[in-house]
Amino acid sequence: MASLNVALPGIARETHASQTQLSWIIDAYSLVFAALLLLAATLGDRFGRRRALLGGLALFAGGSVAAAFASEPETLIALRAVLGLAAAFVMPATLSTITSTFPREQRTRAVSVWAAVAGASAVLGLLASGSVLELWSWRSVFWLNVVLAVVAFVGTYVFVPESAEPGKRRVDIVGATLTVVGLGILVYAVIEAPEHGWASTETLSGMALGLVVLAGFVAWELRHPDPLLDPRLFRDKLFAAGTVSITLQFFAFFGFIFVAMQYLQLVRGSSALVAALSVLPMSAAMIPSARLAPKLAARAGARRPWLVGLVLVAVGLAVLAPLDGGSSYWLILAGLVPLGAGMGLAMTPATAAITDSLPSDLQNVGSAVNDLSREMGGALGIAVLGSVLNAGYRDTLDLDGVPSHIAEAAHSSLAAANVVGARTGDTSLMENARDAFASGMHLALLTGAGAAVLGAVAVAVLLRTAHRPADTPTDADLSTAGQR
């Protein structure tokens, strides 16, 4: 998901995708991934994790080949959903395979290697995509997926042993269906809101219907003997605080990445590689702050660095919100550093809160909930911030005196406005579109900052009213969670 954000301007130019369709191209993957994560993990545990890995990787490779030949945004959206389905089988099976095959004395070391590779891959994905985009079109990102999936498939086939727990849990098909339908309707209503209007009947009824279906999911899970996710777990306020925090952190974070990659390339005119390099200071701040979090928690309790981290995320996004085409990179850097540091400080105690509030026999559930919170938060963040960006862009764009066919193209996305402006030599149209995009980005990033503040308030309230001491988890707990 991170790597494809770098390719969004190229996709918009070649496929003529609108801003709404760009949101769907990214979010179709995240939405399906999040909605099917728990079901896929259950199927892998029951029928074989190696089978889940091989099947998911094969589907991921095949879907990437098809996406590389796509020429219509609708086709690309559908294929991204297929890739999300494949990833839902791959991701939980990787960690489950490690925890089930390594002996206890080697497990922590094995998980730490897994965490290091997973963390580094997000940064490497941006850099690798930026590099290949310097040489070829956006299709190269999908061909890179094919190569990686084939290598992983061969490695899994040769080295990974089969492991399963047959008959341990019944498969909750109804719960999975309700999750997919509820999240799908809700995200659809949000992404399409700029098309119909935020206060329109279509938008409000869609949001209401999505929430009703998700409420039905909660009611079903309360009655099911083997639920995908037992809602009663959220009675533990430490568990609830961790889940809310992770969801809202990644709501802000992935929404920012979606907006920032377009801003850097389409407004500032950076190449794909330069855009990827431009956000590296965020990762440079995130890694040491994540390592520092356990030490701070040991001295002052987990609550303080956790809350400081969420506030820093909000501060970073607020600093980045006023950016426009003429902004200095120093201003970007001034926002990226607190954003990255805040994510690192808040992520470790939030993850520890989820896993360490559960007994040992529910640790797989804790890992799945952590992944689900991250993916669902990312999907909703891209949907909401992308929708706010789109609405702000359309409302601010000045198209007076512009021919209708050019105005229609410029109205769809900034990439289209740049293309038609370059073709017609209308530099004022391009400048107006970039200013409109910056205005929409201002609203979007302030929305992300508001989500981080909301997360800080929720964590403060939940930890204050929790029955356990606010300074738990311990330093050792946080170190283990950081390795996870």
Protein backbone atom coordinates (compact mmCIF):
# COMPACT_ATOMS: atom_id res chain seq x y z
CA MET A 1 0.00 0.00 0.00
CA ALA A 2 2.83 2.40 0.83
CA SER A 3 4.63 1.76 -2.46
CA LEU A 4 1.61 2.32 -4.69
CA ASN A 5 0.99 5.78 -3.20
CA VAL A 6 4.17 6.91 -4.97
CA ALA A 7 2.66 5.82 -8.31
CA LEU A 8 -0.68 7.63 -7.91
CA PRO A 9 0.19 10.66 -10.11
CA GLY A 10 1.29 8.36 -12.93
CA ILE A 11 -1.86 6.24 -12.58
CA ALA A 12 -4.02 9.36 -12.70
CA ARG A 13 -2.30 10.65 -15.85
CA GLU A 14 -2.43 7.35 -17.80
CA THR A 15 -5.80 5.95 -16.73
CA HIS A 16 -7.55 9.35 -16.33
CA ALA A 17 -8.64 8.30 -12.84
CA SER A 18 -10.51 10.92 -10.85
CA GLN A 19 -9.58 11.86 -7.30
CA THR A 20 -12.37 9.62 -6.03
CA GLN A 21 -11.11 6.69 -8.11
CA LEU A 22 -7.57 7.23 -6.80
CA SER A 23 -8.95 6.86 -3.29
CA TRP A 24 -10.60 3.60 -4.31
CA ILE A 25 -7.44 2.27 -5.99
CA ILE A 26 -5.61 2.55 -2.66
CA ASP A 27 -8.51 1.75 -0.36
CA ALA A 28 -9.88 -1.31 -2.19
CA TYR A 29 -6.76 -3.14 -1.02
CA SER A 30 -6.91 -1.93 2.59
CA LEU A 31 -10.65 -2.42 2.93
CA VAL A 32 -10.68 -6.04 1.75
CA PHE A 33 -7.50 -6.77 3.70
CA ALA A 34 -9.02 -5.43 6.93
CA ALA A 35 -12.45 -6.99 6.43
CA LEU A 36 -11.14 -10.50 5.72
CA LEU A 37 -8.10 -10.53 8.02
CA LEU A 38 -9.76 -12.35 10.93
CA LEU A 39 -11.52 -14.89 8.68
CA ALA A 40 -8.34 -15.61 6.70
CA ALA A 41 -6.36 -16.07 9.93
CA THR A 42 -8.96 -18.54 11.21
CA LEU A 43 -8.93 -20.50 7.93
CA GLY A 44 -5.13 -20.61 7.92
CA ASP A 45 -5.00 -21.85 11.52
CA ARG A 46 -7.57 -24.54 10.78
CA PHE A 47 -6.59 -25.81 7.32
CA GLY A 48 -2.85 -25.07 7.24
CA ARG A 49 -0.77 -21.92 7.46
CA ARG A 50 1.63 -23.05 4.73
CA ARG A 51 -1.33 -23.62 2.41
CA ALA A 52 -2.62 -20.14 3.25
CA LEU A 53 0.80 -18.64 2.49
CA LEU A 54 1.20 -20.45 -0.83
CA GLY A 55 -2.34 -19.74 -1.95
CA GLY A 56 -2.17 -16.09 -0.91
CA LEU A 57 1.20 -15.52 -2.59
CA ALA A 58 0.04 -17.22 -5.81
CA LEU A 59 -3.08 -15.05 -5.89
CA PHE A 60 -1.00 -11.95 -5.12
CA ALA A 61 1.36 -12.68 -8.02
CA GLY A 62 -1.50 -13.41 -10.45
CA GLY A 63 -3.44 -10.32 -9.42
CA SER A 64 -0.33 -8.16 -9.81
CA VAL A 65 0.27 -9.48 -13.34
CA ALA A 66 -3.30 -8.60 -14.29
CA ALA A 67 -3.02 -5.15 -12.65
CA ALA A 68 0.12 -4.40 -14.67
CA PHE A 69 -1.97 -4.69 -17.85
CA ALA A 70 -4.98 -2.72 -16.57
CA SER A 71 -5.90 0.41 -18.51
CA GLU A 72 -9.13 1.45 -16.78
CA PRO A 73 -9.36 2.68 -13.18
CA GLU A 74 -12.37 0.45 -12.51
CA THR A 75 -10.36 -2.63 -13.49
CA LEU A 76 -7.48 -1.52 -11.30
CA ILE A 77 -9.80 -1.02 -8.33
CA ALA A 78 -11.19 -4.56 -8.72
CA LEU A 79 -7.71 -6.07 -8.98
CA ARG A 80 -6.53 -4.15 -5.92
CA ALA A 81 -9.40 -5.79 -4.02
CA VAL A 82 -8.10 -9.18 -5.19
CA LEU A 83 -4.64 -8.27 -3.89
CA GLY A 84 -6.20 -7.32 -0.55
CA LEU A 85 -7.82 -10.76 -0.38
CA ALA A 86 -4.44 -12.38 -1.06
CA ALA A 87 -2.70 -10.27 1.58
CA ALA A 88 -5.33 -11.21 4.17
CA PHE A 89 -4.21 -14.85 3.85
CA VAL A 90 -0.48 -14.05 3.74
CA MET A 91 0.00 -11.58 6.59
CA PRO A 92 -1.47 -13.45 9.60
CA ALA A 93 -0.03 -16.78 8.40
CA THR A 94 3.53 -15.41 8.52
CA LEU A 95 3.50 -14.60 12.23
CA SER A 96 1.39 -17.64 13.15
CA THR A 97 3.87 -19.90 11.36
CA ILE A 98 6.77 -18.43 13.33
CA THR A 99 5.07 -18.66 16.72
CA SER A 100 3.90 -22.24 16.08
CA THR A 101 7.12 -23.72 14.64
CA PHE A 102 9.92 -22.11 16.67
CA PRO A 103 10.54 -23.39 20.22
CA ARG A 104 9.81 -20.94 23.01
CA GLU A 105 13.49 -20.14 23.66
CA GLN A 106 13.97 -19.03 20.01
CA ARG A 107 10.55 -17.48 19.43
CA THR A 108 11.35 -13.95 20.58
CA ARG A 109 14.40 -13.79 18.35
CA ALA A 110 12.43 -15.12 15.38
CA VAL A 111 9.62 -12.62 15.92
CA SER A 112 12.13 -9.75 16.21
CA VAL A 113 13.57 -10.69 12.79
CA TRP A 114 10.01 -10.78 11.39
CA ALA A 115 9.28 -7.33 12.88
CA ALA A 116 12.52 -5.85 11.54
CA VAL A 117 11.86 -7.11 8.02
CA ALA A 118 8.23 -5.93 8.09
CA GLY A 119 9.20 -2.49 9.37
CA ALA A 120 12.05 -2.03 6.91
CA SER A 121 9.91 -3.16 3.99
CA ALA A 122 7.55 -0.18 4.33
CA VAL A 123 10.46 2.22 3.81
CA LEU A 124 12.10 0.03 1.16
CA GLY A 125 8.78 -0.15 -0.67
CA LEU A 126 8.68 3.63 -1.08
CA LEU A 127 12.29 3.78 -2.24
CA ALA A 128 12.04 0.77 -4.57
CA SER A 129 8.87 2.11 -6.19
CA GLY A 130 10.36 5.57 -6.54
CA SER A 131 13.44 4.08 -8.19
CA VAL A 132 11.61 1.94 -10.75
CA LEU A 133 9.21 4.80 -11.51
CA GLU A 134 12.23 6.85 -12.59
CA LEU A 135 12.79 4.29 -15.35
CA TRP A 136 9.29 3.10 -16.23
CA SER A 137 5.59 3.76 -15.67
CA TRP A 138 3.36 2.94 -12.68
CA ARG A 139 3.01 -0.61 -14.03
CA SER A 140 6.54 -1.34 -12.81
CA VAL A 141 5.24 -1.27 -9.20
CA PHE A 142 3.02 -4.27 -9.95
CA TRP A 143 5.81 -6.12 -11.76
CA LEU A 144 7.93 -5.59 -8.66
CA ASN A 145 5.10 -7.23 -6.68
CA VAL A 146 5.22 -10.22 -9.03
CA VAL A 147 8.95 -10.73 -8.54
CA LEU A 148 8.68 -10.50 -4.75
CA ALA A 149 5.66 -12.83 -4.62
CA VAL A 150 7.40 -15.47 -6.76
CA VAL A 151 10.54 -15.36 -4.59
CA ALA A 152 8.40 -15.64 -1.43
CA PHE A 153 6.38 -18.51 -2.94
CA VAL A 154 9.53 -20.52 -3.75
CA GLY A 155 11.01 -19.82 -0.33
CA THR A 156 7.78 -20.86 1.41
CA TYR A 157 7.49 -24.05 -0.66
CA VAL A 158 11.09 -25.09 0.05
CA PHE A 159 11.59 -24.04 3.66
CA VAL A 160 8.33 -23.47 5.54
CA PRO A 161 6.79 -26.49 7.33
CA GLU A 162 3.05 -27.02 7.49
CA SER A 163 1.31 -26.18 10.75
CA ALA A 164 -2.37 -26.12 11.66
CA GLU A 165 -4.83 -26.49 14.49
CA PRO A 166 -7.68 -28.43 12.84
CA GLY A 167 -11.04 -28.28 14.51
CA LYS A 168 -9.94 -25.74 17.12
CA ARG A 169 -12.45 -23.10 16.01
CA ARG A 170 -15.55 -23.06 13.85
CA VAL A 171 -15.41 -20.74 10.87
CA ASP A 172 -17.69 -17.73 11.35
CA ILE A 173 -18.86 -17.11 7.78
CA VAL A 174 -21.80 -14.91 8.81
CA GLY A 175 -19.58 -12.67 10.92
CA ALA A 176 -17.08 -12.29 8.08
CA THR A 177 -19.88 -11.42 5.64
CA LEU A 178 -21.30 -8.78 7.96
CA THR A 179 -17.83 -7.26 8.36
CA VAL A 180 -17.26 -7.02 4.60
CA VAL A 181 -20.72 -5.61 3.89
CA GLY A 182 -20.72 -3.13 6.79
CA LEU A 183 -17.23 -1.75 6.19
CA GLY A 184 -17.79 -1.74 2.42
CA ILE A 185 -20.97 0.34 2.63
CA LEU A 186 -19.48 2.75 5.17
CA VAL A 187 -16.26 3.36 3.22
CA TYR A 188 -18.19 3.64 -0.06
CA ALA A 189 -20.42 6.34 1.41
CA VAL A 190 -17.42 8.31 2.70
CA ILE A 191 -15.34 8.10 -0.51
CA GLU A 192 -18.30 8.98 -2.72
CA ALA A 193 -19.45 11.85 -0.45
CA PRO A 194 -17.84 14.62 -2.59
CA GLU A 195 -19.75 13.30 -5.61
CA HIS A 196 -23.16 13.40 -3.91
CA GLY A 197 -22.55 15.94 -1.13
CA TRP A 198 -21.79 15.27 2.53
CA ALA A 199 -25.35 16.13 3.59
CA SER A 200 -27.04 14.28 0.72
CA THR A 201 -29.50 11.45 1.23
CA GLU A 202 -27.14 8.99 -0.49
CA THR A 203 -24.22 9.81 1.81
CA LEU A 204 -26.13 9.92 5.10
CA SER A 205 -28.20 6.83 4.36
CA GLY A 206 -25.07 4.93 3.26
CA MET A 207 -23.23 5.80 6.48
CA ALA A 208 -26.28 4.88 8.57
CA LEU A 209 -26.71 1.55 6.78
CA GLY A 210 -23.03 0.69 7.19
CA LEU A 211 -23.19 1.41 10.92
CA VAL A 212 -26.38 -0.66 11.27
CA VAL A 213 -24.72 -3.65 9.57
CA LEU A 214 -21.65 -3.31 11.81
CA ALA A 215 -23.95 -3.16 14.84
CA GLY A 216 -25.49 -6.40 13.55
CA PHE A 217 -21.96 -7.85 13.40
CA VAL A 218 -21.44 -7.00 17.08
CA ALA A 219 -24.79 -8.60 18.02
CA TRP A 220 -23.94 -11.75 16.03
CA GLU A 221 -20.47 -12.06 17.55
CA LEU A 222 -21.94 -11.84 21.07
CA ARG A 223 -24.04 -14.93 20.33
CA HIS A 224 -21.58 -16.99 18.27
CA PRO A 225 -19.65 -19.73 20.16
CA ASP A 226 -16.45 -19.06 18.15
CA PRO A 227 -16.58 -15.38 17.16
CA LEU A 228 -14.09 -13.79 14.81
CA LEU A 229 -13.77 -11.00 17.37
CA ASP A 230 -15.47 -11.20 20.76
CA PRO A 231 -16.86 -7.70 21.56
CA ARG A 232 -16.63 -8.51 25.27
CA LEU A 233 -12.86 -8.09 25.03
CA PHE A 234 -13.42 -4.33 24.86
CA ARG A 235 -14.69 -4.33 28.43
CA ASP A 236 -11.00 -4.31 29.34
CA LYS A 237 -10.24 -0.60 29.12
CA LEU A 238 -6.53 -1.14 28.50
CA PHE A 239 -7.38 -3.36 25.51
CA ALA A 240 -9.92 -0.79 24.29
CA ALA A 241 -7.42 2.06 24.67
CA GLY A 242 -4.80 0.22 22.62
CA THR A 243 -7.29 -0.62 19.87
CA VAL A 244 -8.67 2.93 19.64
CA SER A 245 -5.17 4.40 19.63
CA ILE A 246 -3.80 2.13 16.88
CA THR A 247 -6.92 2.73 14.75
CA LEU A 248 -6.74 6.53 15.00
CA GLN A 249 -2.93 6.66 14.66
CA PHE A 250 -3.04 4.79 11.37
CA PHE A 251 -6.15 6.70 10.31
CA ALA A 252 -4.00 9.84 10.45
CA PHE A 253 -0.79 8.20 9.19
CA PHE A 254 -2.04 6.42 6.06
CA GLY A 255 -4.33 9.33 5.22
CA PHE A 256 -1.27 11.57 5.36
CA ILE A 257 0.79 9.27 3.09
CA PHE A 258 -2.07 9.20 0.55
CA VAL A 259 -2.26 13.01 0.47
CA ALA A 260 1.48 13.75 0.78
CA MET A 261 2.66 11.61 -2.15
CA GLN A 262 0.31 13.51 -4.47
CA TYR A 263 1.29 16.88 -3.01
CA LEU A 264 5.02 16.25 -3.40
CA GLN A 265 4.74 15.16 -7.04
CA LEU A 266 1.80 17.14 -8.41
CA VAL A 267 2.10 20.41 -6.47
CA ARG A 268 5.84 20.64 -5.77
CA GLY A 269 6.83 18.88 -9.00
CA SER A 270 9.13 16.31 -7.34
CA SER A 271 9.95 13.06 -9.12
CA ALA A 272 8.71 9.79 -7.65
CA LEU A 273 12.13 9.01 -6.18
CA VAL A 274 12.59 12.49 -4.70
CA ALA A 275 9.09 12.29 -3.21
CA ALA A 276 9.95 8.98 -1.54
CA LEU A 277 13.24 10.37 -0.23
CA SER A 278 11.46 13.48 1.05
CA VAL A 279 9.48 11.54 3.67
CA LEU A 280 12.44 9.52 4.99
CA PRO A 281 12.99 11.89 7.96
CA MET A 282 9.66 10.65 9.29
CA SER A 283 11.00 7.08 9.44
CA ALA A 284 14.31 8.34 10.84
CA ALA A 285 12.40 9.88 13.76
CA MET A 286 10.01 6.95 14.19
CA ILE A 287 12.59 4.20 14.73
CA PRO A 288 14.57 5.72 17.64
CA SER A 289 11.41 7.00 19.34
CA ALA A 290 9.93 3.49 19.23
CA ARG A 291 13.10 2.16 20.87
CA LEU A 292 12.99 4.96 23.45
CA ALA A 293 9.37 4.34 24.45
CA PRO A 294 10.08 1.36 26.79
CA LYS A 295 12.73 3.36 28.69
CA LEU A 296 10.39 6.31 29.10
CA ALA A 297 7.61 3.97 30.23
CA ALA A 298 9.89 2.44 32.86
CA ARG A 299 10.61 5.87 34.31
CA ALA A 300 7.28 7.68 34.00
CA GLY A 301 4.73 4.98 33.20
CA ALA A 302 3.33 4.02 29.79
CA ARG A 303 0.54 6.62 29.87
CA ARG A 304 2.78 9.69 29.50
CA PRO A 305 4.84 8.73 26.41
CA TRP A 306 1.69 7.26 24.87
CA LEU A 307 -0.21 10.54 25.20
CA VAL A 308 2.81 12.63 24.22
CA GLY A 309 3.16 10.50 21.08
CA LEU A 310 -0.45 11.09 20.02
CA VAL A 311 -0.12 14.82 20.66
CA LEU A 312 3.08 14.91 18.57
CA VAL A 313 1.23 13.21 15.68
CA ALA A 314 -1.40 15.96 15.86
CA VAL A 315 1.27 18.68 16.04
CA GLY A 316 3.14 17.26 13.03
CA LEU A 317 0.01 17.17 10.89
CA ALA A 318 -1.01 20.67 12.00
CA VAL A 319 2.44 21.98 10.99
CA LEU A 320 2.14 20.29 7.57
CA ALA A 321 -1.44 21.46 6.93
CA PRO A 322 -0.58 25.00 5.58
CA LEU A 323 1.81 23.68 2.91
CA ASP A 324 1.46 24.98 -0.64
CA GLY A 325 3.52 24.93 -3.80
CA GLY A 326 5.96 27.54 -2.54
CA SER A 327 6.58 26.12 0.92
CA SER A 328 10.15 25.46 1.98
CA TYR A 329 11.24 21.88 2.58
CA TRP A 330 12.27 23.01 6.07
CA LEU A 331 8.58 23.42 6.87
CA ILE A 332 7.92 19.89 5.62
CA LEU A 333 10.79 18.62 7.76
CA ALA A 334 9.40 20.49 10.77
CA GLY A 335 6.17 18.50 10.42
CA LEU A 336 7.64 15.11 9.48
CA VAL A 337 9.91 14.85 12.54
CA PRO A 338 7.19 15.20 15.24
CA LEU A 339 4.84 13.04 13.14
CA GLY A 340 7.37 10.20 12.97
CA ALA A 341 8.49 10.59 16.59
CA GLY A 342 4.88 10.61 17.76
CA MET A 343 4.01 7.46 15.83
CA GLY A 344 6.99 5.67 17.38
CA LEU A 345 6.20 6.79 20.94
CA ALA A 346 2.50 5.93 20.75
CA MET A 347 2.66 2.72 18.72
CA THR A 348 4.71 0.66 21.20
CA PRO A 349 2.53 1.16 24.32
CA ALA A 350 -0.65 0.83 22.25
CA THR A 351 0.50 -2.53 20.87
CA ALA A 352 1.55 -3.65 24.35
CA ALA A 353 -1.84 -2.66 25.73
CA ILE A 354 -3.61 -4.90 23.21
CA THR A 355 -1.43 -7.98 23.64
CA ASP A 356 -0.63 -7.80 27.35
CA SER A 357 -4.22 -7.25 28.46
CA LEU A 358 -5.12 -10.71 27.12
CA PRO A 359 -4.32 -14.14 28.62
CA SER A 360 -1.79 -16.39 26.90
CA ASP A 361 -4.46 -18.48 25.14
CA LEU A 362 -5.77 -15.33 23.38
CA GLN A 363 -2.44 -13.97 22.12
CA ASN A 364 -3.28 -14.89 18.52
CA VAL A 365 -6.46 -12.83 18.89
CA GLY A 366 -4.41 -9.92 20.22
CA SER A 367 -2.06 -10.02 17.23
CA ALA A 368 -5.01 -10.21 14.84
CA VAL A 369 -6.76 -7.28 16.53
CA ASN A 370 -3.58 -5.21 16.31
CA ASP A 371 -3.34 -5.93 12.56
CA LEU A 372 -7.06 -5.32 12.09
CA SER A 373 -6.93 -1.97 13.93
CA ARG A 374 -4.02 -0.83 11.80
CA GLU A 375 -5.57 -1.85 8.47
CA MET A 376 -9.07 -0.63 9.28
CA GLY A 377 -7.71 2.67 10.57
CA GLY A 378 -5.66 3.04 7.39
CA ALA A 379 -8.63 2.23 5.16
CA LEU A 380 -10.89 4.72 6.92
CA GLY A 381 -8.13 7.34 7.02
CA ILE A 382 -7.57 7.16 3.28
CA ALA A 383 -11.34 7.24 2.71
CA VAL A 384 -12.04 10.19 4.99
CA LEU A 385 -8.95 12.31 4.34
CA GLY A 386 -9.11 11.55 0.62
CA SER A 387 -12.76 12.56 0.58
CA VAL A 388 -12.10 15.78 2.50
CA LEU A 389 -9.23 16.55 0.11
CA ASN A 390 -11.46 15.93 -2.90
CA ALA A 391 -14.29 18.08 -1.52
CA GLY A 392 -11.92 20.95 -0.68
CA TYR A 393 -10.28 20.74 -4.11
CA ARG A 394 -13.60 20.87 -5.96
CA ASP A 395 -15.07 23.64 -3.83
CA THR A 396 -12.00 25.87 -4.17
CA LEU A 397 -11.12 25.29 -7.83
CA ASP A 398 -11.90 28.39 -9.90
CA LEU A 399 -13.06 27.39 -13.39
CA ASP A 400 -14.74 30.62 -14.50
CA GLY A 401 -14.27 31.15 -18.22
CA VAL A 402 -12.78 27.69 -18.79
CA PRO A 403 -14.41 25.64 -21.60
CA SER A 404 -16.77 22.98 -20.26
CA HIS A 405 -14.82 19.95 -21.50
CA ILE A 406 -11.58 21.27 -19.96
CA ALA A 407 -13.36 22.26 -16.76
CA GLU A 408 -14.82 18.76 -16.42
CA ALA A 409 -11.39 17.18 -16.72
CA ALA A 410 -9.77 19.64 -14.29
CA HIS A 411 -12.63 19.11 -11.83
CA SER A 412 -11.91 15.36 -11.62
CA SER A 413 -8.34 15.57 -10.22
CA LEU A 414 -5.22 17.71 -10.00
CA ALA A 415 -3.35 15.29 -12.27
CA ALA A 416 -5.98 15.80 -14.99
CA ALA A 417 -5.84 19.57 -14.51
CA ASN A 418 -2.06 19.51 -14.97
CA VAL A 419 -2.41 17.42 -18.15
CA VAL A 420 -5.07 19.59 -19.83
CA GLY A 421 -3.33 22.75 -18.67
CA ALA A 422 -0.05 21.61 -20.24
CA ARG A 423 -1.79 20.61 -23.48
CA THR A 424 -3.64 23.92 -23.85
CA GLY A 425 -0.84 26.08 -22.46
CA ASP A 426 -3.16 27.36 -19.73
CA THR A 427 -0.73 27.91 -16.87
CA SER A 428 -3.33 29.78 -14.82
CA LEU A 429 -5.53 26.66 -14.77
CA MET A 430 -2.61 24.60 -13.45
CA GLU A 431 -1.81 27.18 -10.77
CA ASN A 432 -5.45 27.42 -9.71
CA ALA A 433 -5.68 23.61 -9.50
CA ARG A 434 -2.54 23.37 -7.38
CA ASP A 435 -3.83 26.08 -5.05
CA ALA A 436 -7.15 24.23 -4.79
CA PHE A 437 -5.36 20.98 -3.99
CA ALA A 438 -3.33 22.71 -1.27
CA SER A 439 -6.57 24.09 0.18
CA GLY A 440 -8.13 20.61 0.23
CA MET A 441 -4.95 19.18 1.75
CA HIS A 442 -5.12 21.79 4.51
CA LEU A 443 -8.57 20.55 5.53
CA ALA A 444 -7.55 16.88 5.18
CA LEU A 445 -4.46 17.14 7.38
CA LEU A 446 -6.33 19.13 10.02
CA THR A 447 -8.88 16.31 10.02
CA GLY A 448 -6.05 13.84 10.60
CA ALA A 449 -4.70 16.01 13.42
CA GLY A 450 -8.17 16.04 14.97
CA ALA A 451 -8.25 12.24 14.86
CA ALA A 452 -4.94 12.08 16.74
CA VAL A 453 -6.25 14.50 19.38
CA LEU A 454 -9.40 12.40 19.70
CA GLY A 455 -7.19 9.35 20.23
CA ALA A 456 -5.24 11.14 22.97
CA VAL A 457 -8.46 12.12 24.76
CA ALA A 458 -9.85 8.57 24.49
CA VAL A 459 -6.64 7.02 25.81
CA ALA A 460 -6.45 9.50 28.69
CA VAL A 461 -10.04 8.77 29.73
CA LEU A 462 -9.77 4.99 29.36
CA LEU A 463 -6.48 4.70 31.22
CA ARG A 464 -7.68 6.95 34.02
CA THR A 465 -10.78 4.81 34.57
CA ALA A 466 -9.05 1.46 34.02
CA HIS A 467 -8.90 -0.83 37.02
CA ARG A 468 -5.20 -1.57 36.53
CA PRO A 469 -2.42 0.94 37.22
CA ALA A 470 -1.90 3.49 34.48
CA ASP A 471 1.82 2.78 34.33
CA THR A 472 1.34 -0.77 33.05
CA PRO A 473 2.48 -2.41 30.72
CA THR A 474 5.97 -2.72 32.15
CA ASP A 475 9.24 -1.96 30.41
CA ALA A 476 9.68 -5.66 29.62
CA ASP A 477 6.16 -5.86 28.23
CA LEU A 478 6.77 -2.88 25.98
CA SER A 479 10.06 -4.30 24.73
CA THR A 480 8.34 -7.55 23.78
CA ALA A 481 5.52 -5.69 22.06
CA GLY A 482 8.02 -3.56 20.17
CA GLN A 483 9.65 -6.73 18.84
CA ARG A 484 6.24 -7.99 17.76
